[in-house]
Amino acid sequence: MRFEDITVVVQGPVQNYAARAMDEGITQRCLQSIRTYLPGAKIILSTWEDQDLNNLDFDQLLLNQDPGTNIRYFTAPDKPKLFNNNRQIVSTLNGLAAVSTKYALKIRTDNYLISNDFVALFEQPLIRQAEQSVFQQRIVISNTFSRKYAKGKPVAYHLSDFFYFGLTQDLLKLWDIPLQDNYDLSQQHQVSPHYPDFPIDCTQMFWQEGLKQFNQQIELLHLHDLAGDKLKASEAFIANNLIIAEPEKIGLALCQKFLGKSRANRTRGKCSFYQLSDWHALYRKYCDPSHPLPYPALFKLFLQRLIYVFPSRFETKMKIISRTKKMHRYSQILAKDSK
């Protein structure tokens, strides 16, 4: 693959964005890392109006109108939970729409490259099941927040939104999704969809919306919704359409927010994510029964999950009981406010 055939969409606020704390100089580092590890690739910076762009090295600039935050649910009747989902959709989709090369890489403004190993992962000769293949080729993504387990329990389509590499047409399909409406508490009469179950994660929402154009039946009612064959469908999709690997294995470095003592960097958090060894197991199960498995890595991962992941299922069960008790009180408040 020629690096000249790759366009990198760097999306999000630049490092001086007052409303969001970011590592000093992280966007400059991101852009410079692309020049270092993908020489000849084009860089599109897709960010917001009214930002200081001094000393930022890019080939094309997109200044998007800020759609603002969106409310996905409430933690209590008077506490809306705000997210940047629409901001991510706008900056990512507009950036990808401006790409003219065959391949595209989508990366956040607060992450950066430490290698181009993702290219070698992408170019592996791999088998696919035609009936399960949504994209023209697999997309390489980071395992950070690509959860196999959430709150100790298995989850479907809980896939990272940090990093994507693949055919431009495939990434465009994935991100051609509508902006999200604010959750209407007065209409729903509960603080979150399907309360007391936990609402779906933002990453589940992104993938669910992106995949609806291929399969209208994909719909998760809550975080742990595995009704029917949803888990099997999620695993088959991953095996045939993605390659999931740890940041260091694809050549990605994360900002300090996700390092140090952050939950995403602790053993308990990391082993709940899909690992490359997990992906190999899914690939063998759904695509190629002769594919060799990294048994030592899988055994180590099982032991870690035995210690850090599976015991939290009891904690989650107790939280659901607590949320059930709150549900009656919240219902009374919402009924009173609607009168």
Protein backbone atom coordinates (compact mmCIF):
# COMPACT_ATOMS: atom_id res chain seq x y z
CA MET A 1 0.00 0.00 0.00
CA ARG A 2 1.26 3.47 -0.86
CA PHE A 3 0.86 6.00 1.91
CA GLU A 4 -0.15 8.50 -0.77
CA ASP A 5 -3.37 6.49 -1.10
CA ILE A 6 -4.30 7.22 2.53
CA THR A 7 -6.07 10.29 3.89
CA VAL A 8 -6.10 10.80 7.65
CA VAL A 9 -9.16 12.51 9.11
CA VAL A 10 -8.17 14.11 12.41
CA GLN A 11 -11.44 14.99 14.09
CA GLY A 12 -12.40 16.89 17.21
CA PRO A 13 -11.36 20.03 19.07
CA VAL A 14 -7.74 21.15 18.93
CA GLN A 15 -5.67 21.28 22.10
CA ASN A 16 -6.63 24.81 23.13
CA TYR A 17 -10.36 24.09 23.25
CA ALA A 18 -11.48 25.75 26.47
CA ALA A 19 -14.52 23.53 27.05
CA ARG A 20 -12.49 20.31 27.05
CA ALA A 21 -9.28 19.60 28.92
CA MET A 22 -6.59 18.16 26.63
CA ASP A 23 -2.88 17.39 26.92
CA GLU A 24 -0.75 20.41 26.06
CA GLY A 25 0.33 20.24 22.42
CA ILE A 26 -1.45 16.90 21.80
CA THR A 27 -2.98 17.93 18.46
CA GLN A 28 0.39 19.15 17.17
CA ARG A 29 1.87 15.81 18.25
CA CYS A 30 -0.94 13.96 16.48
CA LEU A 31 -0.38 15.77 13.20
CA GLN A 32 3.39 15.42 13.38
CA SER A 33 3.10 11.69 14.08
CA ILE A 34 1.10 11.26 10.88
CA ARG A 35 3.84 13.00 8.89
CA THR A 36 6.38 10.68 10.53
CA TYR A 37 4.65 7.31 10.16
CA LEU A 38 2.56 7.94 7.04
CA PRO A 39 4.81 10.12 4.86
CA GLY A 40 2.90 11.26 1.80
CA ALA A 41 -0.53 10.75 3.34
CA LYS A 42 -2.96 13.66 3.22
CA ILE A 43 -4.22 15.17 6.49
CA ILE A 44 -7.71 16.63 6.86
CA LEU A 45 -8.30 18.45 10.13
CA SER A 46 -12.03 18.44 10.84
CA THR A 47 -12.65 20.69 13.82
CA TRP A 48 -14.77 23.63 15.01
CA GLU A 49 -15.00 27.30 14.19
CA ASP A 50 -13.25 29.96 16.29
CA GLN A 51 -10.23 27.92 17.38
CA ASP A 52 -6.56 28.87 17.36
CA LEU A 53 -4.98 26.85 14.56
CA ASN A 54 -1.46 28.29 14.84
CA ASN A 55 1.38 25.78 14.43
CA LEU A 56 -0.91 22.99 13.25
CA ASP A 57 0.32 21.10 10.17
CA PHE A 58 -2.50 19.88 7.91
CA ASP A 59 -3.35 19.76 4.20
CA GLN A 60 -7.04 20.59 4.36
CA LEU A 61 -9.11 22.31 7.02
CA LEU A 62 -12.79 21.82 7.74
CA LEU A 63 -14.35 24.26 10.19
CA ASN A 64 -17.67 22.75 11.17
CA GLN A 65 -20.57 24.44 12.88
CA ASP A 66 -20.78 23.11 16.41
CA PRO A 67 -24.04 21.13 16.86
CA GLY A 68 -23.54 21.23 20.63
CA THR A 69 -24.12 18.49 23.16
CA ASN A 70 -26.99 16.02 23.18
CA ILE A 71 -28.93 14.42 26.03
CA ARG A 72 -29.02 10.62 25.86
CA TYR A 73 -30.66 9.99 29.22
CA PHE A 74 -31.07 11.32 32.74
CA THR A 75 -29.41 10.04 35.90
CA ALA A 76 -32.32 11.54 37.89
CA PRO A 77 -35.38 13.56 36.79
CA ASP A 78 -33.44 16.81 37.19
CA LYS A 79 -30.04 15.58 35.96
CA PRO A 80 -29.64 15.27 32.17
CA LYS A 81 -26.55 13.40 30.96
CA LEU A 82 -24.80 15.35 28.21
CA PHE A 83 -22.69 13.80 25.46
CA ASN A 84 -20.68 14.95 22.44
CA ASN A 85 -22.20 12.35 20.09
CA ASN A 86 -23.42 14.85 17.50
CA ARG A 87 -20.10 16.65 17.54
CA GLN A 88 -18.34 13.40 16.75
CA ILE A 89 -20.79 12.52 13.98
CA VAL A 90 -20.43 15.95 12.32
CA SER A 91 -16.64 16.20 12.48
CA THR A 92 -16.10 12.57 11.44
CA LEU A 93 -18.67 12.39 8.62
CA ASN A 94 -17.71 15.77 7.12
CA GLY A 95 -14.06 14.79 7.25
CA LEU A 96 -14.64 11.41 5.57
CA ALA A 97 -16.88 13.01 2.94
CA ALA A 98 -13.91 15.19 1.89
CA VAL A 99 -11.57 12.21 1.37
CA SER A 100 -10.66 11.42 -2.24
CA THR A 101 -8.14 8.61 -1.66
CA LYS A 102 -8.90 4.88 -1.61
CA TYR A 103 -8.06 4.45 2.07
CA ALA A 104 -8.91 6.53 5.11
CA LEU A 105 -7.82 6.65 8.72
CA LYS A 106 -10.01 8.32 11.33
CA ILE A 107 -8.24 9.42 14.52
CA ARG A 108 -9.06 11.79 17.38
CA THR A 109 -7.23 15.10 17.82
CA ASP A 110 -6.01 13.94 21.25
CA ASN A 111 -4.43 10.64 20.16
CA TYR A 112 -1.38 10.08 17.96
CA LEU A 113 0.55 7.44 16.03
CA ILE A 114 3.61 5.53 17.21
CA SER A 115 3.85 3.26 14.14
CA ASN A 116 1.96 2.25 11.02
CA ASP A 117 1.46 -1.37 12.10
CA PHE A 118 -2.26 -1.09 11.39
CA VAL A 119 -1.45 -1.26 7.67
CA ALA A 120 0.11 -4.73 8.02
CA LEU A 121 -2.88 -5.91 10.06
CA PHE A 122 -5.24 -4.61 7.38
CA GLU A 123 -3.32 -6.31 4.54
CA GLN A 124 -3.39 -9.81 6.06
CA PRO A 125 -4.83 -12.46 3.69
CA LEU A 126 -7.92 -13.54 5.61
CA ILE A 127 -11.03 -15.57 4.86
CA ARG A 128 -14.52 -14.05 5.05
CA GLN A 129 -18.05 -15.43 4.93
CA ALA A 130 -19.80 -13.62 2.10
CA GLU A 131 -23.19 -13.61 3.83
CA GLN A 132 -21.66 -12.00 6.94
CA SER A 133 -19.51 -9.42 5.12
CA VAL A 134 -20.99 -5.95 5.50
CA PHE A 135 -17.98 -3.95 4.28
CA GLN A 136 -15.84 -4.42 1.17
CA GLN A 137 -12.84 -5.10 3.42
CA ARG A 138 -12.25 -5.38 7.14
CA ILE A 139 -11.79 -2.21 9.21
CA VAL A 140 -8.99 -2.06 11.81
CA ILE A 141 -10.10 -0.56 15.12
CA SER A 142 -8.63 -0.06 18.58
CA ASN A 143 -9.65 -2.32 21.44
CA THR A 144 -9.91 0.63 23.85
CA PHE A 145 -13.59 0.57 24.90
CA SER A 146 -14.30 -2.28 22.47
CA ARG A 147 -15.89 -4.19 25.29
CA LYS A 148 -16.43 -7.93 25.38
CA TYR A 149 -17.81 -7.42 28.90
CA ALA A 150 -19.40 -4.38 30.54
CA LYS A 151 -20.15 -4.38 34.24
CA GLY A 152 -19.05 -8.02 34.24
CA LYS A 153 -21.57 -9.23 31.65
CA PRO A 154 -21.25 -9.92 27.90
CA VAL A 155 -22.32 -7.12 25.54
CA ALA A 156 -23.02 -6.83 21.81
CA TYR A 157 -21.68 -4.26 19.32
CA HIS A 158 -19.81 -2.39 22.08
CA LEU A 159 -17.00 -1.28 19.76
CA SER A 160 -14.50 1.55 20.02
CA ASP A 161 -14.97 4.88 18.25
CA PHE A 162 -11.33 6.02 18.66
CA PHE A 163 -9.55 4.74 15.57
CA TYR A 164 -10.64 3.33 12.20
CA PHE A 165 -8.57 2.31 9.21
CA GLY A 166 -9.94 0.83 6.01
CA LEU A 167 -11.46 1.61 2.66
CA THR A 168 -12.88 5.14 2.54
CA GLN A 169 -16.19 3.86 1.17
CA ASP A 170 -16.53 1.50 4.16
CA LEU A 171 -15.82 4.18 6.74
CA LEU A 172 -18.30 6.50 5.03
CA LYS A 173 -21.00 3.83 5.20
CA LEU A 174 -20.35 3.34 8.89
CA TRP A 175 -20.54 7.04 9.77
CA ASP A 176 -23.44 8.05 7.53
CA ILE A 177 -25.77 8.28 10.51
CA PRO A 178 -28.31 10.88 11.65
CA LEU A 179 -27.72 13.35 14.46
CA GLN A 180 -29.15 12.20 17.75
CA ASP A 181 -32.22 13.88 19.22
CA ASN A 182 -32.32 14.85 22.88
CA TYR A 183 -33.98 12.27 25.11
CA ASP A 184 -37.47 13.57 25.88
CA LEU A 185 -38.14 12.90 29.53
CA SER A 186 -41.70 14.22 29.37
CA GLN A 187 -42.61 11.77 26.60
CA GLN A 188 -40.74 8.73 27.87
CA HIS A 189 -41.79 9.01 31.53
CA GLN A 190 -38.59 7.30 32.70
CA VAL A 191 -35.09 8.66 33.21
CA SER A 192 -33.54 6.39 30.57
CA PRO A 193 -34.76 3.92 27.95
CA HIS A 194 -35.76 0.57 29.46
CA TYR A 195 -34.89 1.68 32.97
CA PRO A 196 -33.90 0.06 35.37
CA ASP A 197 -31.62 -1.64 32.82
CA PHE A 198 -28.56 0.41 31.91
CA PRO A 199 -28.84 2.44 28.66
CA ILE A 200 -26.76 1.40 25.68
CA ASP A 201 -23.27 2.88 25.55
CA CYS A 202 -22.39 5.64 23.08
CA THR A 203 -20.21 3.22 21.14
CA GLN A 204 -23.08 0.75 20.84
CA MET A 205 -25.28 3.57 19.58
CA PHE A 206 -22.77 4.61 16.88
CA TRP A 207 -22.34 1.08 15.54
CA GLN A 208 -26.03 0.27 15.80
CA GLU A 209 -26.97 3.37 13.77
CA GLY A 210 -24.22 2.76 11.22
CA LEU A 211 -25.18 -0.87 10.68
CA LYS A 212 -28.92 -0.24 10.36
CA GLN A 213 -28.46 0.52 6.68
CA PHE A 214 -27.33 -3.11 6.25
CA ASN A 215 -29.61 -4.75 8.78
CA GLN A 216 -32.68 -2.98 10.13
CA GLN A 217 -33.08 -5.72 12.74
CA ILE A 218 -30.06 -4.51 14.72
CA GLU A 219 -31.49 -2.81 17.77
CA LEU A 220 -30.18 -2.95 21.32
CA LEU A 221 -32.75 -2.01 23.93
CA HIS A 222 -30.21 -1.65 26.73
CA LEU A 223 -26.53 -2.20 27.55
CA HIS A 224 -26.84 -5.95 28.16
CA ASP A 225 -29.53 -6.76 25.60
CA LEU A 226 -28.61 -10.15 24.15
CA ALA A 227 -32.11 -11.34 23.28
CA GLY A 228 -32.33 -13.89 20.48
CA ASP A 229 -29.01 -14.27 18.71
CA LYS A 230 -27.67 -10.72 19.20
CA LEU A 231 -24.40 -11.85 20.78
CA LYS A 232 -23.77 -14.43 18.06
CA ALA A 233 -24.60 -11.85 15.37
CA SER A 234 -22.23 -9.35 16.99
CA GLU A 235 -19.40 -11.89 17.15
CA ALA A 236 -19.92 -12.97 13.52
CA PHE A 237 -19.92 -9.33 12.45
CA ILE A 238 -16.65 -8.67 14.29
CA ALA A 239 -14.97 -11.78 12.86
CA ASN A 240 -15.91 -10.98 9.27
CA ASN A 241 -15.74 -7.19 9.17
CA LEU A 242 -13.20 -5.96 11.73
CA ILE A 243 -9.77 -6.52 13.20
CA ILE A 244 -9.59 -5.44 16.84
CA ALA A 245 -6.20 -4.96 18.48
CA GLU A 246 -4.58 -3.18 21.41
CA PRO A 247 -3.37 0.39 20.73
CA GLU A 248 0.31 -0.57 20.74
CA LYS A 249 -0.36 -3.33 18.20
CA ILE A 250 -1.96 -0.98 15.70
CA GLY A 251 0.45 1.89 16.36
CA LEU A 252 -1.80 4.16 18.41
CA ALA A 253 -0.93 6.19 21.51
CA LEU A 254 -3.65 7.55 23.78
CA CYS A 255 -3.79 10.83 25.64
CA GLN A 256 -3.16 10.98 29.41
CA LYS A 257 -6.89 10.83 30.11
CA PHE A 258 -6.81 7.12 29.29
CA LEU A 259 -3.44 6.31 30.86
CA GLY A 260 -2.04 6.21 34.39
CA LYS A 261 -4.65 5.20 36.94
CA SER A 262 -7.62 5.70 34.62
CA ARG A 263 -10.15 2.86 34.50
CA ALA A 264 -9.29 2.23 30.85
CA ASN A 265 -5.66 1.56 31.80
CA ARG A 266 -6.18 -0.70 34.82
CA THR A 267 -6.05 -4.46 34.47
CA ARG A 268 -9.72 -4.69 35.40
CA GLY A 269 -10.66 -2.30 32.60
CA LYS A 270 -8.26 -3.63 29.98
CA CYS A 271 -9.23 -7.28 30.33
CA SER A 272 -12.90 -6.42 29.80
CA PHE A 273 -11.96 -5.15 26.31
CA TYR A 274 -11.63 -7.37 23.27
CA GLN A 275 -7.96 -8.29 22.79
CA LEU A 276 -6.32 -9.32 19.53
CA SER A 277 -6.27 -12.86 20.93
CA ASP A 278 -10.08 -12.66 21.34
CA TRP A 279 -10.38 -11.60 17.72
CA HIS A 280 -8.27 -14.60 16.63
CA ALA A 281 -10.67 -16.86 18.54
CA LEU A 282 -13.69 -15.30 16.81
CA TYR A 283 -11.98 -15.52 13.43
CA ARG A 284 -11.36 -19.23 13.97
CA LYS A 285 -14.96 -19.78 15.14
CA TYR A 286 -16.73 -17.92 12.34
CA CYS A 287 -14.30 -17.81 9.40
CA ASP A 288 -11.44 -20.32 9.41
CA PRO A 289 -11.55 -23.42 11.65
CA SER A 290 -7.88 -24.16 10.84
CA HIS A 291 -6.66 -20.78 12.12
CA PRO A 292 -4.08 -21.23 14.93
CA LEU A 293 -4.97 -19.77 18.32
CA PRO A 294 -2.68 -17.93 20.78
CA TYR A 295 -3.54 -20.26 23.66
CA PRO A 296 -1.14 -18.74 26.26
CA ALA A 297 -2.60 -15.25 25.71
CA LEU A 298 -6.17 -16.57 25.85
CA PHE A 299 -5.49 -18.53 29.06
CA LYS A 300 -3.91 -15.49 30.74
CA LEU A 301 -6.90 -13.40 29.68
CA PHE A 302 -9.32 -15.96 31.10
CA LEU A 303 -7.55 -15.88 34.46
CA GLN A 304 -7.62 -12.08 34.53
CA ARG A 305 -11.32 -12.05 33.78
CA LEU A 306 -11.92 -14.68 36.41
CA ILE A 307 -10.39 -12.31 38.96
CA TYR A 308 -11.42 -8.86 37.71
CA VAL A 309 -14.46 -9.18 35.44
CA PHE A 310 -16.82 -12.01 36.31
CA PRO A 311 -17.17 -11.19 40.05
CA SER A 312 -18.60 -7.77 39.18
CA ARG A 313 -21.74 -9.46 37.80
CA PHE A 314 -23.03 -9.69 41.37
CA GLU A 315 -22.36 -5.96 41.84
CA THR A 316 -24.30 -5.23 38.64
CA LYS A 317 -27.22 -7.36 39.84
CA MET A 318 -27.34 -5.37 43.09
CA LYS A 319 -27.27 -2.09 41.14
CA ILE A 320 -30.24 -3.22 39.07
CA ILE A 321 -32.13 -3.99 42.30
CA SER A 322 -31.28 -0.52 43.60
CA ARG A 323 -32.36 1.10 40.32
CA THR A 324 -35.62 -0.84 40.45
CA LYS A 325 -36.37 0.65 43.87
CA LYS A 326 -35.62 4.14 42.52
CA MET A 327 -37.88 3.55 39.52
CA HIS A 328 -41.08 3.88 41.57
CA ARG A 329 -39.88 7.12 43.18
CA TYR A 330 -38.83 8.58 39.83
CA SER A 331 -42.18 7.59 38.30
CA GLN A 332 -44.02 9.51 40.99
CA ILE A 333 -41.90 12.62 40.38
CA LEU A 334 -42.38 12.45 36.61
CA ALA A 335 -46.12 11.87 36.94
CA LYS A 336 -46.40 14.89 39.24
CA ASP A 337 -44.38 17.10 36.86
CA SER A 338 -46.51 16.09 33.86
CA LYS A 339 -49.72 17.34 35.49
